[in-house]
Protein backbone atom coordinates (compact mmCIF):
# COMPACT_ATOMS: atom_id res chain seq x y z
CA UNK A 1 -8.21 4.84 13.58
CA UNK A 2 -11.02 6.88 12.33
CA UNK A 3 -13.26 5.67 9.40
CA UNK A 4 -13.62 8.55 6.92
CA UNK A 5 -13.77 8.85 3.27
CA UNK A 6 -11.15 11.22 1.68
CA UNK A 7 -11.80 13.52 -1.25
CA UNK A 8 -8.99 15.34 -2.93
CA UNK A 9 -9.46 19.05 -4.18
CA UNK A 10 -7.57 21.05 -6.65
CA UNK A 11 -6.66 24.84 -6.67
CA UNK A 12 -8.17 26.42 -3.52
CA UNK A 13 -8.46 24.81 -0.14
CA UNK A 14 -11.57 22.52 0.28
CA UNK A 15 -13.50 25.01 2.46
CA UNK A 16 -13.59 27.50 -0.52
CA UNK A 17 -15.20 24.66 -2.49
CA UNK A 18 -17.81 23.94 0.09
CA UNK A 19 -20.86 24.19 -2.12
CA UNK A 20 -19.42 21.75 -4.58
CA UNK A 21 -19.44 19.28 -1.60
CA UNK A 22 -22.98 20.15 -0.20
CA UNK A 23 -25.91 22.14 -1.26
CA UNK A 24 -26.14 25.74 0.00
CA UNK A 25 -29.87 25.32 0.77
CA UNK A 26 -29.23 22.19 2.79
CA UNK A 27 -26.58 24.09 4.84
CA UNK A 28 -29.02 27.01 5.33
CA UNK A 29 -31.87 24.63 6.54
CA UNK A 30 -29.56 22.66 8.78
CA UNK A 31 -28.14 25.83 10.32
CA UNK A 32 -31.52 27.17 11.15
CA UNK A 33 -32.78 23.76 12.57
CA UNK A 34 -29.55 23.43 14.68
CA UNK A 35 -29.79 26.87 16.10
CA UNK A 36 -33.47 26.24 17.15
CA UNK A 37 -32.47 22.96 18.79
CA UNK A 38 -29.35 24.41 20.54
CA UNK A 39 -31.50 26.88 22.52
CA UNK A 40 -34.56 24.87 23.15
CA UNK A 41 -34.86 23.38 26.64
CA UNK A 42 -37.44 20.71 25.46
CA UNK A 43 -35.48 17.48 24.97
CA UNK A 44 -38.26 15.83 23.05
CA UNK A 45 -38.53 18.63 20.55
CA UNK A 46 -34.66 18.56 20.01
CA UNK A 47 -34.84 14.90 19.16
CA UNK A 48 -37.78 15.41 16.93
CA UNK A 49 -35.99 18.33 15.07
CA UNK A 50 -32.93 16.20 14.58
CA UNK A 51 -34.82 13.18 13.36
CA UNK A 52 -37.17 14.77 11.03
CA UNK A 53 -35.27 17.74 9.58
CA UNK A 54 -31.65 16.62 9.82
CA UNK A 55 -32.22 12.79 9.43
CA UNK A 56 -30.03 12.07 12.37
CA UNK A 57 -30.64 8.60 14.05
CA UNK A 58 -31.49 9.41 17.71
CA UNK A 59 -32.48 6.70 20.38
CA UNK A 60 -35.29 6.96 22.74
CA UNK A 61 -34.56 9.01 26.05
CA UNK A 62 -31.38 10.42 24.57
CA UNK A 63 -30.72 13.94 25.96
CA UNK A 64 -28.85 16.69 24.05
CA UNK A 65 -27.90 19.52 26.47
CA UNK A 66 -28.13 23.18 25.55
CA UNK A 67 -25.77 24.50 22.89
CA UNK A 68 -24.80 21.01 21.42
CA UNK A 69 -23.52 21.60 17.93
CA UNK A 70 -24.19 18.67 15.53
CA UNK A 71 -22.48 18.75 11.99
CA UNK A 72 -24.20 21.35 9.95
CA UNK A 73 -22.96 19.75 6.56
CA UNK A 74 -23.63 16.12 7.19
CA UNK A 75 -25.95 15.67 10.20
CA UNK A 76 -27.46 12.56 8.67
CA UNK A 77 -24.13 10.79 9.31
CA UNK A 78 -24.63 11.11 13.15
CA UNK A 79 -26.25 8.23 15.07
CA UNK A 80 -26.78 8.28 18.86
CA UNK A 81 -28.15 5.26 20.72
CA UNK A 82 -30.80 5.22 23.43
CA UNK A 83 -30.66 6.71 26.90
CA UNK A 84 -27.45 8.70 26.11
CA UNK A 85 -26.46 12.25 27.24
CA UNK A 86 -24.54 14.64 25.06
CA UNK A 87 -23.19 17.38 27.26
CA UNK A 88 -23.38 21.15 27.03
CA UNK A 89 -21.56 22.79 24.18
CA UNK A 90 -20.39 19.45 22.67
CA UNK A 91 -19.52 19.56 18.92
CA UNK A 92 -20.11 16.44 16.80
CA UNK A 93 -18.40 16.67 13.44
CA UNK A 94 -18.99 14.38 10.47
CA UNK A 95 -16.73 16.26 8.21
CA UNK A 96 -13.44 18.08 8.17
CA UNK A 97 -12.23 20.46 5.46
CA UNK A 98 -8.43 20.53 4.98
CA UNK A 99 -6.14 22.26 2.57
CA UNK A 100 -5.88 19.62 -0.14
CA UNK A 101 -8.79 17.30 0.78
CA UNK A 102 -11.94 17.00 2.81
CA UNK A 103 -12.99 14.03 4.82
CA UNK A 104 -16.46 12.80 5.64
CA UNK A 105 -17.25 9.99 8.12
CA UNK A 106 -20.08 8.59 10.27
CA UNK A 107 -20.15 9.20 14.02
CA UNK A 108 -21.76 6.47 15.90
CA UNK A 109 -22.50 7.01 19.67
CA UNK A 110 -23.77 3.88 21.45
CA UNK A 111 -26.51 3.27 24.15
CA UNK A 112 -26.19 4.82 27.62
CA UNK A 113 -23.15 6.82 26.67
CA UNK A 114 -22.28 10.07 28.60
CA UNK A 115 -20.37 12.80 26.72
CA UNK A 116 -19.13 15.51 29.04
CA UNK A 117 -19.57 19.24 28.33
CA UNK A 118 -17.34 21.06 25.88
CA UNK A 119 -16.18 17.86 24.16
CA UNK A 120 -15.43 17.59 20.37
CA UNK A 121 -16.03 14.39 18.41
CA UNK A 122 -14.27 14.16 15.18
CA UNK A 123 -15.71 12.29 12.06
CA UNK A 124 -15.41 8.63 11.63
CA UNK A 125 -15.47 7.79 15.38
CA UNK A 126 -17.48 5.10 17.09
CA UNK A 127 -18.15 5.46 20.80
CA UNK A 128 -19.19 2.13 22.47
CA UNK A 129 -22.13 1.47 24.61
CA UNK A 130 -21.97 2.62 28.22
CA UNK A 131 -18.70 4.66 27.57
CA UNK A 132 -17.99 7.87 29.54
CA UNK A 133 -16.18 10.76 27.81
CA UNK A 134 -14.85 13.31 30.27
CA UNK A 135 -15.64 17.04 29.82
CA UNK A 136 -13.38 18.82 27.38
CA UNK A 137 -12.23 15.75 25.54
CA UNK A 138 -11.22 15.68 21.88
CA UNK A 139 -12.53 12.29 20.72
CA UNK A 140 -10.02 11.50 17.79
CA UNK A 141 -10.36 7.65 17.84
CA UNK A 142 -12.79 5.07 18.72
CA UNK A 143 -13.83 4.64 22.29
CA UNK A 144 -14.18 0.99 23.61
CA UNK A 145 -17.64 0.15 25.13
CA UNK A 146 -17.73 0.63 28.90
CA UNK A 147 -14.59 2.63 29.17
CA UNK A 148 -13.97 6.02 30.73
CA UNK A 149 -11.86 8.33 28.53
CA UNK A 150 -10.66 11.98 28.71
CA UNK A 151 -8.13 14.48 27.77
CA UNK A 152 -6.50 16.08 24.72
CA UNK A 153 -5.29 13.91 23.28
CA UNK A 154 -7.82 11.52 24.51
CA UNK A 155 -6.67 8.56 26.57
CA UNK A 156 -8.32 5.63 28.19
CA UNK A 157 -8.59 6.45 31.97
CA UNK A 158 -10.38 3.22 32.95
CA UNK A 159 -11.18 0.11 30.95
CA UNK A 160 -14.53 -1.38 31.02
CA UNK A 161 -13.31 -3.99 33.50
CA UNK A 162 -11.74 -1.31 35.79
CA UNK A 163 -15.00 0.61 35.64
CA UNK A 164 -16.92 -2.53 36.63
CA UNK A 165 -14.64 -3.12 39.53
CA UNK A 166 -14.95 0.60 40.59
CA UNK A 167 -18.73 0.30 40.64
CA UNK A 168 -18.59 -2.91 42.49
CA UNK A 169 -16.61 -1.28 45.28
CA UNK A 170 -18.83 1.67 45.21
CA UNK A 171 -21.98 -0.20 45.76
CA UNK A 172 -20.54 -2.18 48.85
């Protein structure tokens, strides 16, 4: 289950009321910073931009590939542990605007996590340490530590124990 706060709206859908939710100038600043970071090949610079201007929590040696798209409305709700890789063109959402409500939730990505290219992570999700998310996955619920998940809808492909056994056989 995802951990999000829900906010009801009246009259028009929630996206039409976006600037009642978040400041216009915050969105403009975040958009500019995110676009700079999406295209820069310098990993240290990306992490600095995310930490300083977006207030994201980013661990040491974490690598964001080209074209990663963090949440433009609430990037401060995203935390990524140390030595993780966020794959090409991945989207990390901390909000979702719906017809009668909007939802906001923290996204917590653990240490040494691998997120494959073109994945989408929905708000309110926690991805445990040393988990692997296959390319193209829609992460719509929590991912247990050490597991390998993939697909749409996302499913556990290997548990932590099965992954450890596979690694043991691989090293022999």
